[in-house]
Amino acid sequence: MPASNTFCEALTIYKIYVETEKVEGKTYTTKNMAPIASNYADKGYVSKEEVEEILAAVIAKLSQK
């Protein structure tokens, strides 16, 4: 399980940039989509720290009985 600060790229948030080039008198425009750099905590994914916290709470509850 990855840590919360592990690098990931957003699957739904991206930056669009446009490239324009001229070839033999014709202008071609290309739209590119690049994912935004992020980490697991920013995206709300379950991280190693959260799982450890949940397991510690479960073990503590089980050991009380």
Protein backbone atom coordinates (compact mmCIF):
# COMPACT_ATOMS: atom_id res chain seq x y z
CA MET A 1 0.00 0.00 0.00
CA PRO A 2 1.52 3.36 -0.98
CA ALA A 3 2.14 6.21 1.45
CA SER A 4 -0.05 9.32 1.26
CA ASN A 5 2.73 11.44 -0.26
CA THR A 6 3.35 9.00 -3.15
CA PHE A 7 3.35 10.71 -6.56
CA CYS A 8 0.45 10.02 -8.92
CA GLU A 9 -1.11 11.69 -11.92
CA ALA A 10 -4.73 12.77 -11.84
CA LEU A 11 -6.98 10.74 -14.11
CA THR A 12 -9.78 13.28 -14.27
CA ILE A 13 -7.96 16.60 -13.90
CA TYR A 14 -5.68 17.67 -16.71
CA LYS A 15 -4.17 20.66 -18.42
CA ILE A 16 -4.93 21.31 -22.08
CA TYR A 17 -2.29 22.96 -24.20
CA VAL A 18 -2.43 23.79 -27.88
CA GLU A 19 0.40 23.36 -30.38
CA THR A 20 0.28 25.06 -33.75
CA GLU A 21 2.63 24.29 -36.62
CA LYS A 22 2.83 25.26 -40.25
CA VAL A 23 3.65 22.65 -42.86
CA GLU A 24 3.86 23.62 -46.52
CA GLY A 25 1.69 26.70 -46.01
CA LYS A 26 -1.02 24.90 -44.03
CA THR A 27 -1.56 25.48 -40.32
CA TYR A 28 -2.17 22.46 -38.10
CA THR A 29 -3.45 22.77 -34.56
CA THR A 30 -3.12 19.97 -32.02
CA LYS A 31 -4.77 19.94 -28.61
CA ASN A 32 -2.89 17.95 -26.00
CA MET A 33 -4.07 16.86 -22.57
CA ALA A 34 -1.48 16.38 -19.82
CA PRO A 35 -2.42 14.94 -16.42
CA ILE A 36 -1.68 17.11 -13.40
CA ALA A 37 0.91 15.86 -10.91
CA SER A 38 -0.51 15.08 -7.50
CA ASN A 39 -0.23 12.60 -4.63
CA TYR A 40 -2.49 9.97 -3.07
CA ALA A 41 -3.61 12.20 -0.18
CA ASP A 42 -4.72 15.02 -2.53
CA LYS A 43 -6.77 12.60 -4.63
CA GLY A 44 -8.45 11.01 -1.62
CA TYR A 45 -7.10 7.51 -2.22
CA VAL A 46 -6.66 5.20 0.76
CA SER A 47 -3.07 5.39 1.97
CA LYS A 48 -0.77 3.25 4.07
CA GLU A 49 -1.14 5.56 7.07
CA GLU A 50 -4.93 5.35 7.00
CA VAL A 51 -4.91 1.56 6.77
CA GLU A 52 -2.45 1.32 9.67
CA GLU A 53 -4.69 3.60 11.75
CA ILE A 54 -7.80 1.52 10.97
CA LEU A 55 -6.03 -1.76 11.77
CA ALA A 56 -4.70 -0.34 15.06
CA ALA A 57 -8.23 0.72 16.04
CA VAL A 58 -9.67 -2.71 15.18
CA ILE A 59 -6.94 -4.52 17.12
CA ALA A 60 -7.47 -2.21 20.10
CA LYS A 61 -11.23 -2.94 20.09
CA LEU A 62 -10.65 -6.68 19.80
CA SER A 63 -8.11 -6.73 22.63
CA GLN A 64 -10.56 -4.95 25.00
CA LYS A 65 -13.00 -7.87 24.99
